[in-house]
PDB file of N, CA and C in Angstrom:
ATOM      1  N   MET A   1      -3.644   1.795   6.149  1.00  0.00           N
ATOM      2  CA  MET A   1      -3.047   2.096   7.425  1.00  0.00           C
ATOM      3  C   MET A   1      -3.159   0.884   8.345  1.00  0.00           C
ATOM      4  N   PRO A   2      -2.080   0.507   8.996  1.00  0.00           N
ATOM      5  CA  PRO A   2      -2.113  -0.644   9.898  1.00  0.00           C
ATOM      6  C   PRO A   2      -3.082  -0.419  11.068  1.00  0.00           C
ATOM      7  N   GLY A   3      -3.554  -1.536  11.622  1.00  0.00           N
ATOM      8  CA  GLY A   3      -4.440  -1.484  12.768  1.00  0.00           C
ATOM      9  C   GLY A   3      -3.675  -1.245  14.054  1.00  0.00           C
ATOM     10  N   THR A   4      -4.377  -1.366  15.146  1.00  0.00           N
ATOM     11  CA  THR A   4      -3.815  -1.167  16.476  1.00  0.00           C
ATOM     12  C   THR A   4      -2.942  -2.336  16.865  1.00  0.00           C
ATOM     13  N   PRO A   5      -1.719  -2.085  17.375  1.00  0.00           N
ATOM     14  CA  PRO A   5      -0.859  -3.184  17.829  1.00  0.00           C
ATOM     15  C   PRO A   5      -1.413  -3.815  19.103  1.00  0.00           C
ATOM     16  N   ASN A   6      -1.314  -5.127  19.187  1.00  0.00           N
ATOM     17  CA  ASN A   6      -1.761  -5.881  20.340  1.00  0.00           C
ATOM     18  C   ASN A   6      -0.601  -6.689  20.905  1.00  0.00           C
ATOM     19  N   ILE A   7      -0.204  -6.384  22.141  1.00  0.00           N
ATOM     20  CA  ILE A   7       0.841  -7.163  22.769  1.00  0.00           C
ATOM     21  C   ILE A   7       0.247  -8.530  23.160  1.00  0.00           C
ATOM     22  N   LYS A   8       0.984  -9.578  22.837  1.00  0.00           N
ATOM     23  CA  LYS A   8       0.406 -10.925  22.953  1.00  0.00           C
ATOM     24  C   LYS A   8       1.474 -11.947  23.300  1.00  0.00           C
ATOM     25  N   LYS A   9       1.070 -12.985  24.038  1.00  0.00           N
ATOM     26  CA  LYS A   9       1.920 -14.139  24.224  1.00  0.00           C
ATOM     27  C   LYS A   9       1.695 -15.057  23.020  1.00  0.00           C
ATOM     28  N   PHE A  10       2.701 -15.265  22.198  1.00  0.00           N
ATOM     29  CA  PHE A  10       2.570 -16.085  20.997  1.00  0.00           C
ATOM     30  C   PHE A  10       2.598 -17.580  21.338  1.00  0.00           C
ATOM     31  N   TYR A  11       3.334 -17.926  22.397  1.00  0.00           N
ATOM     32  CA  TYR A  11       3.487 -19.369  22.702  1.00  0.00           C
ATOM     33  C   TYR A  11       4.000 -19.516  24.121  1.00  0.00           C
ATOM     34  N   GLN A  12       3.458 -20.488  24.864  1.00  0.00           N
ATOM     35  CA  GLN A  12       3.997 -20.914  26.149  1.00  0.00           C
ATOM     36  C   GLN A  12       3.691 -22.399  26.297  1.00  0.00           C
ATOM     37  N   ASN A  13       4.734 -23.197  26.164  1.00  0.00           N
ATOM     38  CA  ASN A  13       4.608 -24.643  26.256  1.00  0.00           C
ATOM     39  C   ASN A  13       5.974 -25.256  26.064  1.00  0.00           C
ATOM     40  N   GLN A  14       5.998 -26.570  25.999  1.00  0.00           N
ATOM     41  CA  GLN A  14       7.250 -27.285  25.702  1.00  0.00           C
ATOM     42  C   GLN A  14       7.207 -27.775  24.254  1.00  0.00           C
ATOM     43  N   PRO A  15       8.084 -27.265  23.409  1.00  0.00           N
ATOM     44  CA  PRO A  15       8.072 -27.750  22.012  1.00  0.00           C
ATOM     45  C   PRO A  15       8.521 -29.188  21.921  1.00  0.00           C
ATOM     46  N   SER A  16       8.232 -29.781  20.785  1.00  0.00           N
ATOM     47  CA  SER A  16       8.584 -31.163  20.494  1.00  0.00           C
ATOM     48  C   SER A  16      10.075 -31.300  20.214  1.00  0.00           C
ATOM     49  N   THR A  17      10.534 -32.542  20.098  1.00  0.00           N
ATOM     50  CA  THR A  17      11.909 -32.787  19.705  1.00  0.00           C
ATOM     51  C   THR A  17      12.028 -32.881  18.165  1.00  0.00           C
ATOM     52  N   THR A  18      10.945 -32.644  17.479  1.00  0.00           N
ATOM     53  CA  THR A  18      10.967 -32.489  16.024  1.00  0.00           C
ATOM     54  C   THR A  18      10.404 -31.105  15.744  1.00  0.00           C
ATOM     55  N   ALA A  19      10.814 -30.470  14.653  1.00  0.00           N
ATOM     56  CA  ALA A  19      10.377 -29.118  14.335  1.00  0.00           C
ATOM     57  C   ALA A  19       8.858 -29.076  14.229  1.00  0.00           C
ATOM     58  N   GLN A  20       8.276 -28.088  14.883  1.00  0.00           N
ATOM     59  CA  GLN A  20       6.849 -27.903  14.833  1.00  0.00           C
ATOM     60  C   GLN A  20       6.526 -26.411  14.801  1.00  0.00           C
ATOM     61  N   THR A  21       5.400 -26.064  14.193  1.00  0.00           N
ATOM     62  CA  THR A  21       4.949 -24.690  14.164  1.00  0.00           C
ATOM     63  C   THR A  21       4.347 -24.358  15.539  1.00  0.00           C
ATOM     64  N   ILE A  22       4.855 -23.286  16.159  1.00  0.00           N
ATOM     65  CA  ILE A  22       4.327 -22.883  17.444  1.00  0.00           C
ATOM     66  C   ILE A  22       3.526 -21.599  17.369  1.00  0.00           C
ATOM     67  N   TYR A  23       3.634 -20.884  16.239  1.00  0.00           N
ATOM     68  CA  TYR A  23       2.872 -19.651  16.061  1.00  0.00           C
ATOM     69  C   TYR A  23       2.781 -19.365  14.565  1.00  0.00           C
ATOM     70  N   THR A  24       1.647 -18.836  14.136  1.00  0.00           N
ATOM     71  CA  THR A  24       1.473 -18.379  12.755  1.00  0.00           C
ATOM     72  C   THR A  24       1.011 -16.939  12.793  1.00  0.00           C
ATOM     73  N   ALA A  25       1.736 -16.081  12.064  1.00  0.00           N
ATOM     74  CA  ALA A  25       1.378 -14.667  12.024  1.00  0.00           C
ATOM     75  C   ALA A  25       0.011 -14.499  11.345  1.00  0.00           C
ATOM     76  N   PRO A  26      -0.797 -13.545  11.813  1.00  0.00           N
ATOM     77  CA  PRO A  26      -2.103 -13.377  11.255  1.00  0.00           C
ATOM     78  C   PRO A  26      -2.085 -12.955   9.803  1.00  0.00           C
ATOM     79  N   SER A  27      -3.212 -13.194   9.145  1.00  0.00           N
ATOM     80  CA  SER A  27      -3.329 -12.780   7.747  1.00  0.00           C
ATOM     81  C   SER A  27      -3.268 -11.274   7.613  1.00  0.00           C
ATOM     82  N   ASN A  28      -2.965 -10.809   6.434  1.00  0.00           N
ATOM     83  CA  ASN A  28      -2.863  -9.383   6.138  1.00  0.00           C
ATOM     84  C   ASN A  28      -4.282  -8.823   5.908  1.00  0.00           C
ATOM     85  N   THR A  29      -4.908  -8.348   6.948  1.00  0.00           N
ATOM     86  CA  THR A  29      -6.285  -7.832   6.807  1.00  0.00           C
ATOM     87  C   THR A  29      -6.353  -6.377   6.395  1.00  0.00           C
ATOM     88  N   GLN A  30      -5.192  -5.710   6.345  1.00  0.00           N
ATOM     89  CA  GLN A  30      -5.161  -4.313   6.017  1.00  0.00           C
ATOM     90  C   GLN A  30      -4.857  -4.064   4.520  1.00  0.00           C
ATOM     91  N   ASN A  31      -4.731  -5.148   3.762  1.00  0.00           N
ATOM     92  CA  ASN A  31      -4.392  -5.039   2.331  1.00  0.00           C
ATOM     93  C   ASN A  31      -3.145  -4.202   2.070  1.00  0.00           C
ATOM     94  N   GLN A  32      -2.162  -4.384   2.937  1.00  0.00           N
ATOM     95  CA  GLN A  32      -0.870  -3.689   2.774  1.00  0.00           C
ATOM     96  C   GLN A  32      -0.052  -4.453   1.737  1.00  0.00           C
ATOM     97  N   PRO A  33       0.912  -3.748   1.142  1.00  0.00           N
ATOM     98  CA  PRO A  33       1.772  -4.437   0.183  1.00  0.00           C
ATOM     99  C   PRO A  33       2.549  -5.582   0.862  1.00  0.00           C
ATOM    100  N   THR A  34       2.789  -6.628   0.131  1.00  0.00           N
ATOM    101  CA  THR A  34       3.601  -7.748   0.629  1.00  0.00           C
ATOM    102  C   THR A  34       5.051  -7.349   0.559  1.00  0.00           C
ATOM    103  N   PRO A  35       5.899  -7.654   1.513  1.00  0.00           N
ATOM    104  CA  PRO A  35       5.628  -8.400   2.709  1.00  0.00           C
ATOM    105  C   PRO A  35       5.349  -7.476   3.903  1.00  0.00           C
ATOM    106  N   TYR A  36       4.114  -7.160   4.158  1.00  0.00           N
ATOM    107  CA  TYR A  36       3.715  -6.327   5.274  1.00  0.00           C
ATOM    108  C   TYR A  36       3.798  -7.158   6.564  1.00  0.00           C
ATOM    109  N   ALA A  37       4.438  -6.612   7.585  1.00  0.00           N
ATOM    110  CA  ALA A  37       4.562  -7.353   8.858  1.00  0.00           C
ATOM    111  C   ALA A  37       3.261  -7.321   9.596  1.00  0.00           C
ATOM    112  N   THR A  38       2.758  -8.471   9.976  1.00  0.00           N
ATOM    113  CA  THR A  38       1.543  -8.563  10.785  1.00  0.00           C
ATOM    114  C   THR A  38       1.834  -8.949  12.228  1.00  0.00           C
ATOM    115  N   ALA A  39       3.084  -9.288  12.512  1.00  0.00           N
ATOM    116  CA  ALA A  39       3.498  -9.622  13.873  1.00  0.00           C
ATOM    117  C   ALA A  39       4.984  -9.327  14.021  1.00  0.00           C
ATOM    118  N   VAL A  40       5.368  -9.021  15.258  1.00  0.00           N
ATOM    119  CA  VAL A  40       6.787  -8.770  15.569  1.00  0.00           C
ATOM    120  C   VAL A  40       7.109  -9.527  16.857  1.00  0.00           C
ATOM    121  N   ILE A  41       8.108 -10.383  16.792  1.00  0.00           N
ATOM    122  CA  ILE A  41       8.581 -11.105  17.978  1.00  0.00           C
ATOM    123  C   ILE A  41       9.448 -10.139  18.783  1.00  0.00           C
ATOM    124  N   LYS A  42       9.096  -9.971  20.062  1.00  0.00           N
ATOM    125  CA  LYS A  42       9.803  -9.029  20.914  1.00  0.00           C
ATOM    126  C   LYS A  42      10.686  -9.704  21.991  1.00  0.00           C
ATOM    127  N   GLU A  43      10.280 -10.888  22.493  1.00  0.00           N
ATOM    128  CA  GLU A  43      11.020 -11.535  23.566  1.00  0.00           C
ATOM    129  C   GLU A  43      10.880 -13.032  23.474  1.00  0.00           C
ATOM    130  N   ILE A  44      11.970 -13.715  23.787  1.00  0.00           N
ATOM    131  CA  ILE A  44      11.985 -15.180  23.851  1.00  0.00           C
ATOM    132  C   ILE A  44      12.612 -15.563  25.178  1.00  0.00           C
ATOM    133  N   MET A  45      11.924 -16.458  25.924  1.00  0.00           N
ATOM    134  CA  MET A  45      12.434 -16.991  27.174  1.00  0.00           C
ATOM    135  C   MET A  45      12.412 -18.504  27.086  1.00  0.00           C
ATOM    136  N   ALA A  46      13.523 -19.118  27.394  1.00  0.00           N
ATOM    137  CA  ALA A  46      13.612 -20.563  27.423  1.00  0.00           C
ATOM    138  C   ALA A  46      14.080 -20.994  28.834  1.00  0.00           C
ATOM    139  N   VAL A  47      13.295 -21.868  29.472  1.00  0.00           N
ATOM    140  CA  VAL A  47      13.569 -22.318  30.833  1.00  0.00           C
ATOM    141  C   VAL A  47      13.829 -23.811  30.787  1.00  0.00           C
ATOM    142  N   ASN A  48      14.979 -24.224  31.306  1.00  0.00           N
ATOM    143  CA  ASN A  48      15.323 -25.636  31.394  1.00  0.00           C
ATOM    144  C   ASN A  48      15.010 -26.125  32.820  1.00  0.00           C
ATOM    145  N   THR A  49      13.946 -26.926  32.958  1.00  0.00           N
ATOM    146  CA  THR A  49      13.545 -27.419  34.266  1.00  0.00           C
ATOM    147  C   THR A  49      14.141 -28.790  34.581  1.00  0.00           C
ATOM    148  N   SER A  50      15.017 -29.285  33.698  1.00  0.00           N
ATOM    149  CA  SER A  50      15.619 -30.600  33.946  1.00  0.00           C
ATOM    150  C   SER A  50      16.969 -30.427  34.650  1.00  0.00           C
ATOM    151  N   GLY A  51      17.539 -31.554  34.989  1.00  0.00           N
ATOM    152  CA  GLY A  51      18.830 -31.578  35.646  1.00  0.00           C
ATOM    153  C   GLY A  51      20.029 -31.717  34.708  1.00  0.00           C
ATOM    154  N   SER A  52      19.784 -31.633  33.418  1.00  0.00           N
ATOM    155  CA  SER A  52      20.841 -31.748  32.405  1.00  0.00           C
ATOM    156  C   SER A  52      20.775 -30.620  31.420  1.00  0.00           C
ATOM    157  N   PRO A  53      21.896 -30.267  30.757  1.00  0.00           N
ATOM    158  CA  PRO A  53      21.817 -29.254  29.734  1.00  0.00           C
ATOM    159  C   PRO A  53      20.859 -29.697  28.616  1.00  0.00           C
ATOM    160  N   ALA A  54      20.148 -28.735  28.026  1.00  0.00           N
ATOM    161  CA  ALA A  54      19.188 -29.021  26.969  1.00  0.00           C
ATOM    162  C   ALA A  54      19.284 -27.902  25.920  1.00  0.00           C
ATOM    163  N   THR A  55      18.885 -28.252  24.685  1.00  0.00           N
ATOM    164  CA  THR A  55      18.998 -27.279  23.600  1.00  0.00           C
ATOM    165  C   THR A  55      17.619 -26.873  23.087  1.00  0.00           C
ATOM    166  N   ILE A  56      17.583 -25.670  22.503  1.00  0.00           N
ATOM    167  CA  ILE A  56      16.389 -25.139  21.850  1.00  0.00           C
ATOM    168  C   ILE A  56      16.803 -24.450  20.568  1.00  0.00           C
ATOM    169  N   THR A  57      15.985 -24.593  19.521  1.00  0.00           N
ATOM    170  CA  THR A  57      16.218 -23.962  18.239  1.00  0.00           C
ATOM    171  C   THR A  57      14.911 -23.328  17.750  1.00  0.00           C
ATOM    172  N   LEU A  58      14.985 -22.091  17.252  1.00  0.00           N
ATOM    173  CA  LEU A  58      13.800 -21.435  16.691  1.00  0.00           C
ATOM    174  C   LEU A  58      14.139 -20.892  15.303  1.00  0.00           C
ATOM    175  N   GLY A  59      13.131 -20.922  14.428  1.00  0.00           N
ATOM    176  CA  GLY A  59      13.316 -20.375  13.096  1.00  0.00           C
ATOM    177  C   GLY A  59      12.007 -19.882  12.535  1.00  0.00           C
ATOM    178  N   VAL A  60      12.091 -19.039  11.501  1.00  0.00           N
ATOM    179  CA  VAL A  60      10.923 -18.536  10.802  1.00  0.00           C
ATOM    180  C   VAL A  60      10.748 -19.347   9.524  1.00  0.00           C
ATOM    181  N   ASN A  61       9.593 -19.972   9.390  1.00  0.00           N
ATOM    182  CA  ASN A  61       9.265 -20.807   8.240  1.00  0.00           C
ATOM    183  C   ASN A  61      10.204 -22.001   8.108  1.00  0.00           C
ATOM    184  N   GLY A  62      10.665 -22.520   9.223  1.00  0.00           N
ATOM    185  CA  GLY A  62      11.538 -23.694   9.254  1.00  0.00           C
ATOM    186  C   GLY A  62      12.662 -23.481  10.224  1.00  0.00           C
ATOM    187  N   VAL A  63      13.387 -24.553  10.542  1.00  0.00           N
ATOM    188  CA  VAL A  63      14.512 -24.434  11.479  1.00  0.00           C
ATOM    189  C   VAL A  63      15.861 -24.739  10.832  1.00  0.00           C
ATOM    190  N   ALA A  64      15.864 -24.825   9.491  1.00  0.00           N
ATOM    191  CA  ALA A  64      17.151 -24.985   8.795  1.00  0.00           C
ATOM    192  C   ALA A  64      18.027 -23.748   9.067  1.00  0.00           C
ATOM    193  N   ALA A  65      19.300 -23.863   8.915  1.00  0.00           N
ATOM    194  CA  ALA A  65      20.229 -22.785   9.249  1.00  0.00           C
ATOM    195  C   ALA A  65      19.818 -21.427   8.672  1.00  0.00           C
ATOM    196  N   ALA A  66      19.379 -21.387   7.455  1.00  0.00           N
ATOM    197  CA  ALA A  66      19.013 -20.114   6.818  1.00  0.00           C
ATOM    198  C   ALA A  66      17.762 -19.487   7.422  1.00  0.00           C
ATOM    199  N   ASN A  67      16.985 -20.230   8.172  1.00  0.00           N
ATOM    200  CA  ASN A  67      15.746 -19.735   8.776  1.00  0.00           C
ATOM    201  C   ASN A  67      15.861 -19.404  10.259  1.00  0.00           C
ATOM    202  N   GLN A  68      16.955 -19.749  10.882  1.00  0.00           N
ATOM    203  CA  GLN A  68      17.049 -19.647  12.325  1.00  0.00           C
ATOM    204  C   GLN A  68      17.130 -18.206  12.825  1.00  0.00           C
ATOM    205  N   ILE A  69      16.329 -17.920  13.851  1.00  0.00           N
ATOM    206  CA  ILE A  69      16.454 -16.657  14.576  1.00  0.00           C
ATOM    207  C   ILE A  69      17.108 -16.896  15.960  1.00  0.00           C
ATOM    208  N   LEU A  70      17.067 -18.146  16.396  1.00  0.00           N
ATOM    209  CA  LEU A  70      17.787 -18.579  17.576  1.00  0.00           C
ATOM    210  C   LEU A  70      18.461 -19.898  17.203  1.00  0.00           C
ATOM    211  N   PRO A  71      19.736 -19.812  16.786  1.00  0.00           N
ATOM    212  CA  PRO A  71      20.425 -21.091  16.462  1.00  0.00           C
ATOM    213  C   PRO A  71      20.483 -21.965  17.698  1.00  0.00           C
ATOM    214  N   THR A  72      20.689 -23.211  17.512  1.00  0.00           N
ATOM    215  CA  THR A  72      20.671 -24.176  18.611  1.00  0.00           C
ATOM    216  C   THR A  72      21.442 -23.614  19.813  1.00  0.00           C
ATOM    217  N   LYS A  73      20.687 -23.366  20.873  1.00  0.00           N
ATOM    218  CA  LYS A  73      21.247 -22.728  22.077  1.00  0.00           C
ATOM    219  C   LYS A  73      21.105 -23.708  23.245  1.00  0.00           C
ATOM    220  N   THR A  74      22.197 -23.890  23.975  1.00  0.00           N
ATOM    221  CA  THR A  74      22.151 -24.738  25.156  1.00  0.00           C
ATOM    222  C   THR A  74      21.735 -23.938  26.370  1.00  0.00           C
ATOM    223  N   VAL A  75      20.757 -24.478  27.086  1.00  0.00           N
ATOM    224  CA  VAL A  75      20.316 -23.866  28.349  1.00  0.00           C
ATOM    225  C   VAL A  75      20.772 -24.783  29.449  1.00  0.00           C
ATOM    226  N   ASN A  76      21.486 -24.230  30.429  1.00  0.00           N
ATOM    227  CA  ASN A  76      22.008 -25.021  31.520  1.00  0.00           C
ATOM    228  C   ASN A  76      20.903 -25.594  32.389  1.00  0.00           C
ATOM    229  N   PRO A  77      21.199 -26.655  33.148  1.00  0.00           N
ATOM    230  CA  PRO A  77      20.172 -27.274  33.992  1.00  0.00           C
ATOM    231  C   PRO A  77      19.598 -26.259  34.987  1.00  0.00           C
ATOM    232  N   ASN A  78      18.284 -26.313  35.180  1.00  0.00           N
ATOM    233  CA  ASN A  78      17.583 -25.448  36.131  1.00  0.00           C
ATOM    234  C   ASN A  78      17.961 -23.971  35.941  1.00  0.00           C
ATOM    235  N   ASP A  79      18.033 -23.525  34.682  1.00  0.00           N
ATOM    236  CA  ASP A  79      18.416 -22.173  34.373  1.00  0.00           C
ATOM    237  C   ASP A  79      17.522 -21.680  33.229  1.00  0.00           C
ATOM    238  N   SER A  80      17.668 -20.440  32.884  1.00  0.00           N
ATOM    239  CA  SER A  80      16.892 -19.881  31.792  1.00  0.00           C
ATOM    240  C   SER A  80      17.730 -18.897  30.983  1.00  0.00           C
ATOM    241  N   ILE A  81      17.280 -18.653  29.757  1.00  0.00           N
ATOM    242  CA  ILE A  81      17.819 -17.558  28.963  1.00  0.00           C
ATOM    243  C   ILE A  81      16.662 -16.682  28.544  1.00  0.00           C
ATOM    244  N   VAL A  82      16.916 -15.401  28.482  1.00  0.00           N
ATOM    245  CA  VAL A  82      15.908 -14.441  28.054  1.00  0.00           C
ATOM    246  C   VAL A  82      16.545 -13.561  26.983  1.00  0.00           C
ATOM    247  N   ILE A  83      15.909 -13.475  25.858  1.00  0.00           N
ATOM    248  CA  ILE A  83      16.395 -12.620  24.777  1.00  0.00           C
ATOM    249  C   ILE A  83      15.348 -11.535  24.565  1.00  0.00           C
ATOM    250  N   THR A  84      15.747 -10.306  24.841  1.00  0.00           N
ATOM    251  CA  THR A  84      14.829  -9.179  24.769  1.00  0.00           C
ATOM    252  C   THR A  84      15.228  -8.208  23.671  1.00  0.00           C
ATOM    253  N   GLN A  85      14.420  -7.226  23.488  1.00  0.00           N
ATOM    254  CA  GLN A  85      14.639  -6.167  22.506  1.00  0.00           C
ATOM    255  C   GLN A  85      14.778  -6.726  21.103  1.00  0.00           C
ATOM    256  N   LEU A  86      14.054  -7.779  20.833  1.00  0.00           N
ATOM    257  CA  LEU A  86      13.984  -8.318  19.480  1.00  0.00           C
ATOM    258  C   LEU A  86      13.012  -7.499  18.649  1.00  0.00           C
ATOM    259  N   ASN A  87      13.201  -7.450  17.386  1.00  0.00           N
ATOM    260  CA  ASN A  87      12.267  -6.816  16.473  1.00  0.00           C
ATOM    261  C   ASN A  87      12.191  -7.657  15.210  1.00  0.00           C
ATOM    262  N   THR A  88      11.902  -8.934  15.375  1.00  0.00           N
ATOM    263  CA  THR A  88      11.855  -9.862  14.255  1.00  0.00           C
ATOM    264  C   THR A  88      10.471  -9.814  13.638  1.00  0.00           C
ATOM    265  N   ALA A  89      10.361  -9.205  12.438  1.00  0.00           N
ATOM    266  CA  ALA A  89       9.083  -9.024  11.777  1.00  0.00           C
ATOM    267  C   ALA A  89       8.658 -10.342  11.103  1.00  0.00           C
ATOM    268  N   LEU A  90       7.368 -10.646  11.210  1.00  0.00           N
ATOM    269  CA  LEU A  90       6.798 -11.769  10.515  1.00  0.00           C
ATOM    270  C   LEU A  90       5.727 -11.238   9.559  1.00  0.00           C
ATOM    271  N   SER A  91       5.798 -11.672   8.311  1.00  0.00           N
ATOM    272  CA  SER A  91       4.802 -11.302   7.335  1.00  0.00           C
ATOM    273  C   SER A  91       3.570 -12.202   7.524  1.00  0.00           C
ATOM    274  N   ALA A  92       2.478 -11.819   6.887  1.00  0.00           N
ATOM    275  CA  ALA A  92       1.235 -12.596   6.995  1.00  0.00           C
ATOM    276  C   ALA A  92       1.490 -14.065   6.730  1.00  0.00           C
ATOM    277  N   ASN A  93       1.002 -14.909   7.629  1.00  0.00           N
ATOM    278  CA  ASN A  93       1.063 -16.384   7.540  1.00  0.00           C
ATOM    279  C   ASN A  93       2.478 -16.969   7.686  1.00  0.00           C
ATOM    280  N   ASP A  94       3.482 -16.158   8.020  1.00  0.00           N
ATOM    281  CA  ASP A  94       4.779 -16.720   8.396  1.00  0.00           C
ATOM    282  C   ASP A  94       4.599 -17.570   9.621  1.00  0.00           C
ATOM    283  N   THR A  95       5.433 -18.585   9.779  1.00  0.00           N
ATOM    284  CA  THR A  95       5.346 -19.441  10.951  1.00  0.00           C
ATOM    285  C   THR A  95       6.624 -19.343  11.781  1.00  0.00           C
ATOM    286  N   LEU A  96       6.461 -19.442  13.095  1.00  0.00           N
ATOM    287  CA  LEU A  96       7.599 -19.577  14.001  1.00  0.00           C
ATOM    288  C   LEU A  96       7.650 -21.054  14.370  1.00  0.00           C
ATOM    289  N   GLN A  97       8.793 -21.645  14.152  1.00  0.00           N
ATOM    290  CA  GLN A  97       8.958 -23.065  14.430  1.00  0.00           C
ATOM    291  C   GLN A  97      10.017 -23.268  15.484  1.00  0.00           C
ATOM    292  N   ALA A  98       9.854 -24.326  16.267  1.00  0.00           N
ATOM    293  CA  ALA A  98      10.802 -24.618  17.362  1.00  0.00           C
ATOM    294  C   ALA A  98      10.992 -26.110  17.455  1.00  0.00           C
ATOM    295  N   LEU A  99      12.133 -26.444  18.068  1.00  0.00           N
ATOM    296  CA  LEU A  99      12.399 -27.831  18.474  1.00  0.00           C
ATOM    297  C   LEU A  99      13.387 -27.806  19.630  1.00  0.00           C
ATOM    298  N   GLN A 100      13.257 -28.783  20.500  1.00  0.00           N
ATOM    299  CA  GLN A 100      14.203 -28.908  21.584  1.00  0.00           C
ATOM    300  C   GLN A 100      14.904 -30.249  21.456  1.00  0.00           C
ATOM    301  N   GLY A 101      16.089 -30.345  22.031  1.00  0.00           N
ATOM    302  CA  GLY A 101      16.894 -31.535  21.907  1.00  0.00           C
ATOM    303  C   GLY A 101      16.535 -32.643  22.881  1.00  0.00           C
ATOM    304  N   THR A 102      15.902 -32.296  24.013  1.00  0.00           N
ATOM    305  CA  THR A 102      15.556 -33.265  25.047  1.00  0.00           C
ATOM    306  C   THR A 102      14.085 -33.131  25.395  1.00  0.00           C
ATOM    307  N   SER A 103      13.331 -34.159  25.201  1.00  0.00           N
ATOM    308  CA  SER A 103      11.883 -34.096  25.459  1.00  0.00           C
ATOM    309  C   SER A 103      11.594 -33.669  26.888  1.00  0.00           C
ATOM    310  N   GLY A 104      10.688 -32.691  27.023  1.00  0.00           N
ATOM    311  CA  GLY A 104      10.237 -32.268  28.325  1.00  0.00           C
ATOM    312  C   GLY A 104      11.188 -31.412  29.159  1.00  0.00           C
ATOM    313  N   ALA A 105      12.294 -30.977  28.561  1.00  0.00           N
ATOM    314  CA  ALA A 105      13.288 -30.201  29.334  1.00  0.00           C
ATOM    315  C   ALA A 105      13.029 -28.713  29.269  1.00  0.00           C
ATOM    316  N   ILE A 106      12.680 -28.188  28.119  1.00  0.00           N
ATOM    317  CA  ILE A 106      12.601 -26.737  27.899  1.00  0.00           C
ATOM    318  C   ILE A 106      11.160 -26.292  27.841  1.00  0.00           C
ATOM    319  N   THR A 107      10.819 -25.277  28.636  1.00  0.00           N
ATOM    320  CA  THR A 107       9.568 -24.539  28.501  1.00  0.00           C
ATOM    321  C   THR A 107       9.911 -23.253  27.797  1.00  0.00           C
ATOM    322  N   LEU A 108       9.163 -22.945  26.737  1.00  0.00           N
ATOM    323  CA  LEU A 108       9.458 -21.787  25.903  1.00  0.00           C
ATOM    324  C   LEU A 108       8.312 -20.800  25.975  1.00  0.00           C
ATOM    325  N   VAL A 109       8.657 -19.528  26.118  1.00  0.00           N
ATOM    326  CA  VAL A 109       7.648 -18.462  26.107  1.00  0.00           C
ATOM    327  C   VAL A 109       8.109 -17.414  25.079  1.00  0.00           C
ATOM    328  N   VAL A 110       7.223 -17.147  24.119  1.00  0.00           N
ATOM    329  CA  VAL A 110       7.543 -16.178  23.075  1.00  0.00           C
ATOM    330  C   VAL A 110       6.449 -15.099  23.119  1.00  0.00           C
ATOM    331  N   SER A 111       6.871 -13.835  23.196  1.00  0.00           N
ATOM    332  CA  SER A 111       5.913 -12.716  23.246  1.00  0.00           C
ATOM    333  C   SER A 111       6.186 -11.753  22.094  1.00  0.00           C
ATOM    334  N   GLY A 112       5.150 -11.036  21.728  1.00  0.00           N
ATOM    335  CA  GLY A 112       5.343 -10.069  20.667  1.00  0.00           C
ATOM    336  C   GLY A 112       4.156  -9.181  20.489  1.00  0.00           C
ATOM    337  N   VAL A 113       4.074  -8.582  19.287  1.00  0.00           N
ATOM    338  CA  VAL A 113       3.016  -7.644  18.976  1.00  0.00           C
ATOM    339  C   VAL A 113       2.400  -8.092  17.652  1.00  0.00           C
ATOM    340  N   GLU A 114       1.049  -8.094  17.609  1.00  0.00           N
ATOM    341  CA  GLU A 114       0.345  -8.345  16.359  1.00  0.00           C
ATOM    342  C   GLU A 114      -0.300  -7.070  15.902  1.00  0.00           C
ATOM    343  N   VAL A 115      -0.274  -6.823  14.569  1.00  0.00           N
ATOM    344  CA  VAL A 115      -0.946  -5.687  13.990  1.00  0.00           C
ATOM    345  C   VAL A 115      -1.859  -6.232  12.901  1.00  0.00           C
ATOM    346  N   GLN A 116      -3.161  -6.010  13.066  1.00  0.00           N
ATOM    347  CA  GLN A 116      -4.110  -6.506  12.068  1.00  0.00           C
ATOM    348  C   GLN A 116      -4.970  -5.392  11.559  1.00  0.00           C
TER     349      GLN A 116
END
């Protein structure tokens, strides 16, 4: 039986201009069959604090096209995008990876639920 869900901020920072892991789903401590979800991404917010358009890309276990959950998205200057009502399941040790097109432009906040 899965454990208690914990609402959590998975990431809040500015990702690099090269793909980097920003979150790793917890290990499967409940001995559930693979691929048992240990985390669920619920909301993504990207804020562009620069004066120029900037891009952000997110993916599970990489940012190649086949892995993307947020394909390269342009955020207008001094604006934000919020994607809610997501239910993107992550299996044990899956990684969420991100990259932005302009260094220091995008602040990213990812929230979700962990079940351990």
